[in-house]
Amino acid sequence: MVYDPSALLWISTLLLVSTLFVFSLLIRRRWLPTWLVENPVAYVLALGIAIGVWALFGSVGIAYERGYSYLSYFFGISIVFFLAPIFLIPLQRLKQTHQLETLTDVLVYR
């Protein structure tokens, strides 16, 4: 049995999109329990998946175009990861001090 890589890619993409659609429908109609939907772990996993896919496709594209200079992409991500507490802790304090709800409120606050 021979598998066509493009067919496998299309099938896996369709499966991923349909799974995300089903989960969004379940969340929107409130068929999933609130403790599961509003759990911080769910937000972290969703953010991790989105950023992971972005990093993967971005690095493949950069490696194709520029060769080994794509490593600077990963060094940049690593530096941002290690410096994140320096930038996020003051934003968290500002949010708690002024009782702001979302990141948009924090960034727009004057």
PDB file of N, CA and C in Angstrom:
ATOM      1  N   MET A   1       0.842  -1.169   0.000  1.00  0.00           N
ATOM      2  CA  MET A   1       0.000   0.000   0.000  1.00  0.00           C
ATOM      3  C   MET A   1       0.893   1.241   0.000  1.00  0.00           C
ATOM      4  N   VAL A   2       0.648   2.162  -0.933  1.00  0.00           N
ATOM      5  CA  VAL A   2       1.453   3.365  -1.082  1.00  0.00           C
ATOM      6  C   VAL A   2       0.619   4.571  -0.642  1.00  0.00           C
ATOM      7  N   TYR A   3       1.220   5.390   0.201  1.00  0.00           N
ATOM      8  CA  TYR A   3       0.545   6.590   0.677  1.00  0.00           C
ATOM      9  C   TYR A   3       1.058   7.808  -0.078  1.00  0.00           C
ATOM     10  N   ASP A   4       0.146   8.630  -0.478  1.00  0.00           N
ATOM     11  CA  ASP A   4       0.505   9.881  -1.133  1.00  0.00           C
ATOM     12  C   ASP A   4       0.685  10.945  -0.051  1.00  0.00           C
ATOM     13  N   PRO A   5       1.861  11.563   0.060  1.00  0.00           N
ATOM     14  CA  PRO A   5       2.088  12.552   1.127  1.00  0.00           C
ATOM     15  C   PRO A   5       1.119  13.733   1.061  1.00  0.00           C
ATOM     16  N   SER A   6       0.763  14.179  -0.128  1.00  0.00           N
ATOM     17  CA  SER A   6      -0.157  15.316  -0.203  1.00  0.00           C
ATOM     18  C   SER A   6      -1.557  14.924   0.271  1.00  0.00           C
ATOM     19  N   ALA A   7      -1.986  13.705  -0.031  1.00  0.00           N
ATOM     20  CA  ALA A   7      -3.297  13.253   0.456  1.00  0.00           C
ATOM     21  C   ALA A   7      -3.291  13.126   1.966  1.00  0.00           C
ATOM     22  N   LEU A   8      -2.193  12.616   2.510  1.00  0.00           N
ATOM     23  CA  LEU A   8      -2.076  12.503   3.967  1.00  0.00           C
ATOM     24  C   LEU A   8      -2.091  13.873   4.629  1.00  0.00           C
ATOM     25  N   LEU A   9      -1.440  14.837   4.010  1.00  0.00           N
ATOM     26  CA  LEU A   9      -1.443  16.204   4.527  1.00  0.00           C
ATOM     27  C   LEU A   9      -2.850  16.797   4.509  1.00  0.00           C
ATOM     28  N   TRP A  10      -3.568  16.617   3.406  1.00  0.00           N
ATOM     29  CA  TRP A  10      -4.935  17.137   3.318  1.00  0.00           C
ATOM     30  C   TRP A  10      -5.861  16.459   4.324  1.00  0.00           C
ATOM     31  N   ILE A  11      -5.728  15.166   4.496  1.00  0.00           N
ATOM     32  CA  ILE A  11      -6.582  14.446   5.445  1.00  0.00           C
ATOM     33  C   ILE A  11      -6.287  14.897   6.872  1.00  0.00           C
ATOM     34  N   SER A  12      -5.010  15.029   7.221  1.00  0.00           N
ATOM     35  CA  SER A  12      -4.675  15.467   8.582  1.00  0.00           C
ATOM     36  C   SER A  12      -5.104  16.915   8.823  1.00  0.00           C
ATOM     37  N   THR A  13      -4.992  17.769   7.809  1.00  0.00           N
ATOM     38  CA  THR A  13      -5.450  19.154   7.948  1.00  0.00           C
ATOM     39  C   THR A  13      -6.958  19.203   8.139  1.00  0.00           C
ATOM     40  N   LEU A  14      -7.683  18.429   7.354  1.00  0.00           N
ATOM     41  CA  LEU A  14      -9.140  18.379   7.486  1.00  0.00           C
ATOM     42  C   LEU A  14      -9.546  17.841   8.854  1.00  0.00           C
ATOM     43  N   LEU A  15      -8.844  16.827   9.335  1.00  0.00           N
ATOM     44  CA  LEU A  15      -9.128  16.274  10.656  1.00  0.00           C
ATOM     45  C   LEU A  15      -8.881  17.301  11.761  1.00  0.00           C
ATOM     46  N   LEU A  16      -7.780  18.033  11.662  1.00  0.00           N
ATOM     47  CA  LEU A  16      -7.464  19.058  12.667  1.00  0.00           C
ATOM     48  C   LEU A  16      -8.504  20.170  12.659  1.00  0.00           C
ATOM     49  N   VAL A  17      -8.849  20.669  11.484  1.00  0.00           N
ATOM     50  CA  VAL A  17      -9.816  21.769  11.397  1.00  0.00           C
ATOM     51  C   VAL A  17     -11.186  21.325  11.883  1.00  0.00           C
ATOM     52  N   SER A  18     -11.598  20.120  11.529  1.00  0.00           N
ATOM     53  CA  SER A  18     -12.909  19.646  11.980  1.00  0.00           C
ATOM     54  C   SER A  18     -12.921  19.421  13.490  1.00  0.00           C
ATOM     55  N   THR A  19     -11.815  18.945  14.054  1.00  0.00           N
ATOM     56  CA  THR A  19     -11.741  18.775  15.505  1.00  0.00           C
ATOM     57  C   THR A  19     -11.825  20.119  16.220  1.00  0.00           C
ATOM     58  N   LEU A  20     -11.098  21.115  15.723  1.00  0.00           N
ATOM     59  CA  LEU A  20     -11.177  22.448  16.323  1.00  0.00           C
ATOM     60  C   LEU A  20     -12.569  23.045  16.195  1.00  0.00           C
ATOM     61  N   PHE A  21     -13.233  22.797  15.059  1.00  0.00           N
ATOM     62  CA  PHE A  21     -14.588  23.292  14.876  1.00  0.00           C
ATOM     63  C   PHE A  21     -15.552  22.640  15.861  1.00  0.00           C
ATOM     64  N   VAL A  22     -15.414  21.334  16.056  1.00  0.00           N
ATOM     65  CA  VAL A  22     -16.302  20.637  16.994  1.00  0.00           C
ATOM     66  C   VAL A  22     -16.087  21.163  18.414  1.00  0.00           C
ATOM     67  N   PHE A  23     -14.833  21.346  18.814  1.00  0.00           N
ATOM     68  CA  PHE A  23     -14.578  21.874  20.157  1.00  0.00           C
ATOM     69  C   PHE A  23     -15.111  23.290  20.319  1.00  0.00           C
ATOM     70  N   SER A  24     -14.956  24.124  19.314  1.00  0.00           N
ATOM     71  CA  SER A  24     -15.479  25.484  19.426  1.00  0.00           C
ATOM     72  C   SER A  24     -17.001  25.481  19.484  1.00  0.00           C
ATOM     73  N   LEU A  25     -17.639  24.567  18.752  1.00  0.00           N
ATOM     74  CA  LEU A  25     -19.104  24.455  18.812  1.00  0.00           C
ATOM     75  C   LEU A  25     -19.559  23.992  20.195  1.00  0.00           C
ATOM     76  N   LEU A  26     -18.851  23.017  20.749  1.00  0.00           N
ATOM     77  CA  LEU A  26     -19.203  22.535  22.090  1.00  0.00           C
ATOM     78  C   LEU A  26     -19.030  23.623  23.143  1.00  0.00           C
ATOM     79  N   ILE A  27     -17.993  24.408  23.015  1.00  0.00           N
ATOM     80  CA  ILE A  27     -17.758  25.492  23.973  1.00  0.00           C
ATOM     81  C   ILE A  27     -18.786  26.592  23.799  1.00  0.00           C
ATOM     82  N   ARG A  28     -19.094  26.929  22.554  1.00  0.00           N
ATOM     83  CA  ARG A  28     -20.042  28.016  22.308  1.00  0.00           C
ATOM     84  C   ARG A  28     -21.455  27.678  22.795  1.00  0.00           C
ATOM     85  N   ARG A  29     -21.860  26.439  22.627  1.00  0.00           N
ATOM     86  CA  ARG A  29     -23.198  26.026  23.084  1.00  0.00           C
ATOM     87  C   ARG A  29     -23.217  25.630  24.551  1.00  0.00           C
ATOM     88  N   ARG A  30     -22.092  25.776  25.204  1.00  0.00           N
ATOM     89  CA  ARG A  30     -21.947  25.495  26.634  1.00  0.00           C
ATOM     90  C   ARG A  30     -22.294  24.048  26.983  1.00  0.00           C
ATOM     91  N   TRP A  31     -21.863  23.117  26.137  1.00  0.00           N
ATOM     92  CA  TRP A  31     -22.059  21.701  26.403  1.00  0.00           C
ATOM     93  C   TRP A  31     -20.907  21.104  27.175  1.00  0.00           C
ATOM     94  N   LEU A  32     -19.814  21.848  27.278  1.00  0.00           N
ATOM     95  CA  LEU A  32     -18.686  21.411  28.094  1.00  0.00           C
ATOM     96  C   LEU A  32     -18.760  22.108  29.445  1.00  0.00           C
ATOM     97  N   PRO A  33     -18.323  21.451  30.506  1.00  0.00           N
ATOM     98  CA  PRO A  33     -18.398  22.086  31.823  1.00  0.00           C
ATOM     99  C   PRO A  33     -17.518  23.338  31.906  1.00  0.00           C
ATOM    100  N   THR A  34     -17.950  24.285  32.694  1.00  0.00           N
ATOM    101  CA  THR A  34     -17.255  25.557  32.833  1.00  0.00           C
ATOM    102  C   THR A  34     -15.862  25.377  33.416  1.00  0.00           C
ATOM    103  N   TRP A  35     -15.709  24.463  34.363  1.00  0.00           N
ATOM    104  CA  TRP A  35     -14.398  24.262  34.985  1.00  0.00           C
ATOM    105  C   TRP A  35     -13.381  23.774  33.959  1.00  0.00           C
ATOM    106  N   LEU A  36     -13.829  23.111  32.920  1.00  0.00           N
ATOM    107  CA  LEU A  36     -12.914  22.638  31.886  1.00  0.00           C
ATOM    108  C   LEU A  36     -12.577  23.740  30.886  1.00  0.00           C
ATOM    109  N   VAL A  37     -13.578  24.534  30.552  1.00  0.00           N
ATOM    110  CA  VAL A  37     -13.375  25.585  29.550  1.00  0.00           C
ATOM    111  C   VAL A  37     -12.540  26.734  30.102  1.00  0.00           C
ATOM    112  N   GLU A  38     -12.786  27.128  31.351  1.00  0.00           N
ATOM    113  CA  GLU A  38     -12.105  28.279  31.937  1.00  0.00           C
ATOM    114  C   GLU A  38     -10.849  27.903  32.712  1.00  0.00           C
ATOM    115  N   ASN A  39     -10.394  26.695  32.550  1.00  0.00           N
ATOM    116  CA  ASN A  39      -9.186  26.246  33.223  1.00  0.00           C
ATOM    117  C   ASN A  39      -7.964  26.903  32.577  1.00  0.00           C
ATOM    118  N   PRO A  40      -7.047  27.437  33.368  1.00  0.00           N
ATOM    119  CA  PRO A  40      -5.856  28.066  32.788  1.00  0.00           C
ATOM    120  C   PRO A  40      -5.018  27.106  31.943  1.00  0.00           C
ATOM    121  N   VAL A  41      -5.073  25.829  32.253  1.00  0.00           N
ATOM    122  CA  VAL A  41      -4.325  24.857  31.463  1.00  0.00           C
ATOM    123  C   VAL A  41      -4.843  24.829  30.029  1.00  0.00           C
ATOM    124  N   ALA A  42      -6.151  24.987  29.850  1.00  0.00           N
ATOM    125  CA  ALA A  42      -6.722  25.002  28.502  1.00  0.00           C
ATOM    126  C   ALA A  42      -6.197  26.197  27.705  1.00  0.00           C
ATOM    127  N   TYR A  43      -6.087  27.347  28.350  1.00  0.00           N
ATOM    128  CA  TYR A  43      -5.543  28.526  27.672  1.00  0.00           C
ATOM    129  C   TYR A  43      -4.069  28.328  27.299  1.00  0.00           C
ATOM    130  N   VAL A  44      -3.306  27.753  28.213  1.00  0.00           N
ATOM    131  CA  VAL A  44      -1.886  27.536  27.952  1.00  0.00           C
ATOM    132  C   VAL A  44      -1.700  26.545  26.808  1.00  0.00           C
ATOM    133  N   LEU A  45      -2.491  25.471  26.792  1.00  0.00           N
ATOM    134  CA  LEU A  45      -2.379  24.494  25.708  1.00  0.00           C
ATOM    135  C   LEU A  45      -2.765  25.104  24.369  1.00  0.00           C
ATOM    136  N   ALA A  46      -3.825  25.889  24.342  1.00  0.00           N
ATOM    137  CA  ALA A  46      -4.244  26.527  23.093  1.00  0.00           C
ATOM    138  C   ALA A  46      -3.180  27.491  22.591  1.00  0.00           C
ATOM    139  N   LEU A  47      -2.621  28.275  23.489  1.00  0.00           N
ATOM    140  CA  LEU A  47      -1.563  29.205  23.111  1.00  0.00           C
ATOM    141  C   LEU A  47      -0.311  28.454  22.662  1.00  0.00           C
ATOM    142  N   GLY A  48       0.011  27.374  23.346  1.00  0.00           N
ATOM    143  CA  GLY A  48       1.171  26.571  22.971  1.00  0.00           C
ATOM    144  C   GLY A  48       1.022  25.938  21.602  1.00  0.00           C
ATOM    145  N   ILE A  49      -0.169  25.464  21.277  1.00  0.00           N
ATOM    146  CA  ILE A  49      -0.404  24.879  19.960  1.00  0.00           C
ATOM    147  C   ILE A  49      -0.286  25.943  18.880  1.00  0.00           C
ATOM    148  N   ALA A  50      -0.901  27.082  19.101  1.00  0.00           N
ATOM    149  CA  ALA A  50      -0.859  28.144  18.091  1.00  0.00           C
ATOM    150  C   ALA A  50       0.563  28.627  17.854  1.00  0.00           C
ATOM    151  N   ILE A  51       1.306  28.865  18.919  1.00  0.00           N
ATOM    152  CA  ILE A  51       2.665  29.362  18.770  1.00  0.00           C
ATOM    153  C   ILE A  51       3.596  28.276  18.233  1.00  0.00           C
ATOM    154  N   GLY A  52       3.350  27.027  18.622  1.00  0.00           N
ATOM    155  CA  GLY A  52       4.163  25.935  18.107  1.00  0.00           C
ATOM    156  C   GLY A  52       4.026  25.769  16.605  1.00  0.00           C
ATOM    157  N   VAL A  53       2.796  25.838  16.110  1.00  0.00           N
ATOM    158  CA  VAL A  53       2.571  25.729  14.670  1.00  0.00           C
ATOM    159  C   VAL A  53       3.183  26.922  13.949  1.00  0.00           C
ATOM    160  N   TRP A  54       3.028  28.087  14.518  1.00  0.00           N
ATOM    161  CA  TRP A  54       3.594  29.297  13.921  1.00  0.00           C
ATOM    162  C   TRP A  54       5.115  29.176  13.840  1.00  0.00           C
ATOM    163  N   ALA A  55       5.726  28.697  14.910  1.00  0.00           N
ATOM    164  CA  ALA A  55       7.179  28.553  14.923  1.00  0.00           C
ATOM    165  C   ALA A  55       7.633  27.494  13.930  1.00  0.00           C
ATOM    166  N   LEU A  56       6.912  26.393  13.846  1.00  0.00           N
ATOM    167  CA  LEU A  56       7.303  25.330  12.925  1.00  0.00           C
ATOM    168  C   LEU A  56       7.249  25.797  11.479  1.00  0.00           C
ATOM    169  N   PHE A  57       6.119  26.338  11.070  1.00  0.00           N
ATOM    170  CA  PHE A  57       5.996  26.774   9.680  1.00  0.00           C
ATOM    171  C   PHE A  57       6.903  27.966   9.384  1.00  0.00           C
ATOM    172  N   GLY A  58       7.076  28.841  10.352  1.00  0.00           N
ATOM    173  CA  GLY A  58       7.981  29.963  10.153  1.00  0.00           C
ATOM    174  C   GLY A  58       9.419  29.517   9.995  1.00  0.00           C
ATOM    175  N   SER A  59       9.847  28.563  10.817  1.00  0.00           N
ATOM    176  CA  SER A  59      11.231  28.108  10.726  1.00  0.00           C
ATOM    177  C   SER A  59      11.488  27.314   9.457  1.00  0.00           C
ATOM    178  N   VAL A  60      10.513  26.543   9.010  1.00  0.00           N
ATOM    179  CA  VAL A  60      10.689  25.800   7.759  1.00  0.00           C
ATOM    180  C   VAL A  60      10.802  26.763   6.582  1.00  0.00           C
ATOM    181  N   GLY A  61       9.986  27.786   6.564  1.00  0.00           N
ATOM    182  CA  GLY A  61      10.054  28.772   5.495  1.00  0.00           C
ATOM    183  C   GLY A  61      11.361  29.544   5.503  1.00  0.00           C
ATOM    184  N   ILE A  62      11.819  29.924   6.685  1.00  0.00           N
ATOM    185  CA  ILE A  62      13.082  30.658   6.788  1.00  0.00           C
ATOM    186  C   ILE A  62      14.262  29.755   6.417  1.00  0.00           C
ATOM    187  N   ALA A  63      14.216  28.490   6.841  1.00  0.00           N
ATOM    188  CA  ALA A  63      15.302  27.564   6.488  1.00  0.00           C
ATOM    189  C   ALA A  63      15.353  27.333   4.989  1.00  0.00           C
ATOM    190  N   TYR A  64      14.220  27.291   4.354  1.00  0.00           N
ATOM    191  CA  TYR A  64      14.186  27.106   2.900  1.00  0.00           C
ATOM    192  C   TYR A  64      14.775  28.311   2.175  1.00  0.00           C
ATOM    193  N   GLU A  65      14.469  29.495   2.669  1.00  0.00           N
ATOM    194  CA  GLU A  65      14.926  30.711   1.986  1.00  0.00           C
ATOM    195  C   GLU A  65      16.370  31.083   2.316  1.00  0.00           C
ATOM    196  N   ARG A  66      16.801  30.909   3.578  1.00  0.00           N
ATOM    197  CA  ARG A  66      18.073  31.485   4.018  1.00  0.00           C
ATOM    198  C   ARG A  66      19.113  30.478   4.478  1.00  0.00           C
ATOM    199  N   GLY A  67      18.807  29.216   4.487  1.00  0.00           N
ATOM    200  CA  GLY A  67      19.796  28.224   4.923  1.00  0.00           C
ATOM    201  C   GLY A  67      19.965  28.207   6.428  1.00  0.00           C
ATOM    202  N   TYR A  68      21.226  28.179   6.879  1.00  0.00           N
ATOM    203  CA  TYR A  68      21.497  28.048   8.310  1.00  0.00           C
ATOM    204  C   TYR A  68      21.201  29.309   9.121  1.00  0.00           C
ATOM    205  N   SER A  69      20.912  30.400   8.490  1.00  0.00           N
ATOM    206  CA  SER A  69      20.600  31.600   9.268  1.00  0.00           C
ATOM    207  C   SER A  69      19.233  31.498   9.942  1.00  0.00           C
ATOM    208  N   TYR A  70      18.512  30.396   9.687  1.00  0.00           N
ATOM    209  CA  TYR A  70      17.239  30.212  10.378  1.00  0.00           C
ATOM    210  C   TYR A  70      17.443  29.982  11.871  1.00  0.00           C
ATOM    211  N   LEU A  71      18.647  29.634  12.287  1.00  0.00           N
ATOM    212  CA  LEU A  71      18.914  29.428  13.711  1.00  0.00           C
ATOM    213  C   LEU A  71      18.718  30.703  14.523  1.00  0.00           C
ATOM    214  N   SER A  72      18.901  31.850  13.879  1.00  0.00           N
ATOM    215  CA  SER A  72      18.668  33.112  14.588  1.00  0.00           C
ATOM    216  C   SER A  72      17.207  33.231  15.017  1.00  0.00           C
ATOM    217  N   TYR A  73      16.317  32.621  14.264  1.00  0.00           N
ATOM    218  CA  TYR A  73      14.891  32.598  14.623  1.00  0.00           C
ATOM    219  C   TYR A  73      14.708  31.918  15.979  1.00  0.00           C
ATOM    220  N   PHE A  74      15.351  30.769  16.169  1.00  0.00           N
ATOM    221  CA  PHE A  74      15.216  30.046  17.430  1.00  0.00           C
ATOM    222  C   PHE A  74      15.944  30.744  18.568  1.00  0.00           C
ATOM    223  N   PHE A  75      17.068  31.376  18.279  1.00  0.00           N
ATOM    224  CA  PHE A  75      17.753  32.138  19.323  1.00  0.00           C
ATOM    225  C   PHE A  75      16.884  33.307  19.786  1.00  0.00           C
ATOM    226  N   GLY A  76      16.209  33.959  18.853  1.00  0.00           N
ATOM    227  CA  GLY A  76      15.315  35.063  19.206  1.00  0.00           C
ATOM    228  C   GLY A  76      14.163  34.606  20.078  1.00  0.00           C
ATOM    229  N   ILE A  77      13.561  33.461  19.733  1.00  0.00           N
ATOM    230  CA  ILE A  77      12.459  32.920  20.532  1.00  0.00           C
ATOM    231  C   ILE A  77      12.953  32.565  21.936  1.00  0.00           C
ATOM    232  N   SER A  78      14.147  31.990  22.025  1.00  0.00           N
ATOM    233  CA  SER A  78      14.701  31.610  23.330  1.00  0.00           C
ATOM    234  C   SER A  78      14.954  32.835  24.199  1.00  0.00           C
ATOM    235  N   ILE A  79      15.484  33.882  23.609  1.00  0.00           N
ATOM    236  CA  ILE A  79      15.750  35.110  24.362  1.00  0.00           C
ATOM    237  C   ILE A  79      14.448  35.729  24.860  1.00  0.00           C
ATOM    238  N   VAL A  80      13.434  35.757  24.015  1.00  0.00           N
ATOM    239  CA  VAL A  80      12.131  36.295  24.420  1.00  0.00           C
ATOM    240  C   VAL A  80      11.535  35.456  25.544  1.00  0.00           C
ATOM    241  N   PHE A  81      11.691  34.138  25.461  1.00  0.00           N
ATOM    242  CA  PHE A  81      11.167  33.256  26.502  1.00  0.00           C
ATOM    243  C   PHE A  81      11.819  33.551  27.848  1.00  0.00           C
ATOM    244  N   PHE A  82      13.140  33.725  27.849  1.00  0.00           N
ATOM    245  CA  PHE A  82      13.836  33.979  29.109  1.00  0.00           C
ATOM    246  C   PHE A  82      13.600  35.393  29.636  1.00  0.00           C
ATOM    247  N   LEU A  83      13.319  36.345  28.771  1.00  0.00           N
ATOM    248  CA  LEU A  83      13.059  37.711  29.204  1.00  0.00           C
ATOM    249  C   LEU A  83      11.585  37.990  29.481  1.00  0.00           C
ATOM    250  N   ALA A  84      10.716  37.030  29.225  1.00  0.00           N
ATOM    251  CA  ALA A  84       9.283  37.238  29.406  1.00  0.00           C
ATOM    252  C   ALA A  84       8.911  37.678  30.822  1.00  0.00           C
ATOM    253  N   PRO A  85       9.468  37.081  31.879  1.00  0.00           N
ATOM    254  CA  PRO A  85       9.094  37.542  33.224  1.00  0.00           C
ATOM    255  C   PRO A  85       9.415  39.010  33.465  1.00  0.00           C
ATOM    256  N   ILE A  86      10.473  39.499  32.863  1.00  0.00           N
ATOM    257  CA  ILE A  86      10.843  40.907  33.059  1.00  0.00           C
ATOM    258  C   ILE A  86       9.744  41.824  32.534  1.00  0.00           C
ATOM    259  N   PHE A  87       9.090  41.421  31.446  1.00  0.00           N
ATOM    260  CA  PHE A  87       8.041  42.247  30.866  1.00  0.00           C
ATOM    261  C   PHE A  87       6.651  41.915  31.405  1.00  0.00           C
ATOM    262  N   LEU A  88       6.418  40.680  31.775  1.00  0.00           N
ATOM    263  CA  LEU A  88       5.071  40.273  32.185  1.00  0.00           C
ATOM    264  C   LEU A  88       4.755  40.583  33.644  1.00  0.00           C
ATOM    265  N   ILE A  89       5.739  40.552  34.521  1.00  0.00           N
ATOM    266  CA  ILE A  89       5.475  40.821  35.940  1.00  0.00           C
ATOM    267  C   ILE A  89       4.988  42.253  36.158  1.00  0.00           C
ATOM    268  N   PRO A  90       5.594  43.282  35.552  1.00  0.00           N
ATOM    269  CA  PRO A  90       5.027  44.632  35.717  1.00  0.00           C
ATOM    270  C   PRO A  90       3.613  44.757  35.145  1.00  0.00           C
ATOM    271  N   LEU A  91       3.336  44.069  34.026  1.00  0.00           N
ATOM    272  CA  LEU A  91       1.973  44.108  33.481  1.00  0.00           C
ATOM    273  C   LEU A  91       0.988  43.434  34.428  1.00  0.00           C
ATOM    274  N   GLN A  92       1.417  42.359  35.072  1.00  0.00           N
ATOM    275  CA  GLN A  92       0.548  41.673  36.024  1.00  0.00           C
ATOM    276  C   GLN A  92       0.285  42.558  37.245  1.00  0.00           C
ATOM    277  N   ARG A  93       1.301  43.254  37.727  1.00  0.00           N
ATOM    278  CA  ARG A  93       1.107  44.161  38.866  1.00  0.00           C
ATOM    279  C   ARG A  93       0.165  45.305  38.513  1.00  0.00           C
ATOM    280  N   LEU A  94       0.318  45.843  37.302  1.00  0.00           N
ATOM    281  CA  LEU A  94      -0.563  46.910  36.839  1.00  0.00           C
ATOM    282  C   LEU A  94      -2.005  46.418  36.753  1.00  0.00           C
ATOM    283  N   LYS A  95      -2.174  45.210  36.271  1.00  0.00           N
ATOM    284  CA  LYS A  95      -3.509  44.619  36.167  1.00  0.00           C
ATOM    285  C   LYS A  95      -4.146  44.441  37.550  1.00  0.00           C
ATOM    286  N   GLN A  96      -3.373  43.946  38.498  1.00  0.00           N
ATOM    287  CA  GLN A  96      -3.912  43.731  39.831  1.00  0.00           C
ATOM    288  C   GLN A  96      -4.176  45.048  40.559  1.00  0.00           C
ATOM    289  N   THR A  97      -3.314  46.026  40.385  1.00  0.00           N
ATOM    290  CA  THR A  97      -3.462  47.310  41.075  1.00  0.00           C
ATOM    291  C   THR A  97      -4.718  48.041  40.620  1.00  0.00           C
ATOM    292  N   HIS A  98      -4.954  48.059  39.316  1.00  0.00           N
ATOM    293  CA  HIS A  98      -6.075  48.822  38.771  1.00  0.00           C
ATOM    294  C   HIS A  98      -7.269  47.952  38.404  1.00  0.00           C
ATOM    295  N   GLN A  99      -7.246  46.694  38.793  1.00  0.00           N
ATOM    296  CA  GLN A  99      -8.339  45.747  38.581  1.00  0.00           C
ATOM    297  C   GLN A  99      -8.790  45.713  37.121  1.00  0.00           C
ATOM    298  N   LEU A 100      -7.838  45.536  36.237  1.00  0.00           N
ATOM    299  CA  LEU A 100      -8.129  45.432  34.820  1.00  0.00           C
ATOM    300  C   LEU A 100      -8.379  43.966  34.475  1.00  0.00           C
ATOM    301  N   GLU A 101      -9.213  43.731  33.468  1.00  0.00           N
ATOM    302  CA  GLU A 101      -9.626  42.365  33.169  1.00  0.00           C
ATOM    303  C   GLU A 101      -8.803  41.699  32.072  1.00  0.00           C
ATOM    304  N   THR A 102      -8.570  42.385  30.970  1.00  0.00           N
ATOM    305  CA  THR A 102      -7.932  41.753  29.822  1.00  0.00           C
ATOM    306  C   THR A 102      -6.608  42.443  29.504  1.00  0.00           C
ATOM    307  N   LEU A 103      -5.851  41.808  28.632  1.00  0.00           N
ATOM    308  CA  LEU A 103      -4.592  42.386  28.202  1.00  0.00           C
ATOM    309  C   LEU A 103      -4.825  43.689  27.442  1.00  0.00           C
ATOM    310  N   THR A 104      -5.917  43.761  26.721  1.00  0.00           N
ATOM    311  CA  THR A 104      -6.258  44.995  26.005  1.00  0.00           C
ATOM    312  C   THR A 104      -6.464  46.138  26.992  1.00  0.00           C
ATOM    313  N   ASP A 105      -7.142  45.868  28.093  1.00  0.00           N
ATOM    314  CA  ASP A 105      -7.348  46.914  29.115  1.00  0.00           C
ATOM    315  C   ASP A 105      -6.013  47.374  29.689  1.00  0.00           C
ATOM    316  N   VAL A 106      -5.089  46.433  29.895  1.00  0.00           N
ATOM    317  CA  VAL A 106      -3.792  46.783  30.453  1.00  0.00           C
ATOM    318  C   VAL A 106      -3.015  47.667  29.484  1.00  0.00           C
ATOM    319  N   LEU A 107      -3.039  47.311  28.192  1.00  0.00           N
ATOM    320  CA  LEU A 107      -2.257  48.042  27.222  1.00  0.00           C
ATOM    321  C   LEU A 107      -2.861  49.404  26.887  1.00  0.00           C
ATOM    322  N   VAL A 108      -4.172  49.543  27.032  1.00  0.00           N
ATOM    323  CA  VAL A 108      -4.838  50.811  26.702  1.00  0.00           C
ATOM    324  C   VAL A 108      -4.901  51.733  27.915  1.00  0.00           C
ATOM    325  N   TYR A 109      -4.700  51.176  29.124  1.00  0.00           N
ATOM    326  CA  TYR A 109      -4.824  51.966  30.348  1.00  0.00           C
ATOM    327  C   TYR A 109      -3.845  53.125  30.341  1.00  0.00           C
ATOM    328  N   ARG A 110      -4.326  54.291  30.769  1.00  0.00           N
ATOM    329  CA  ARG A 110      -3.469  55.486  30.816  1.00  0.00           C
ATOM    330  C   ARG A 110      -3.302  55.938  32.231  1.00  0.00           C
TER     331      ARG A 110
END
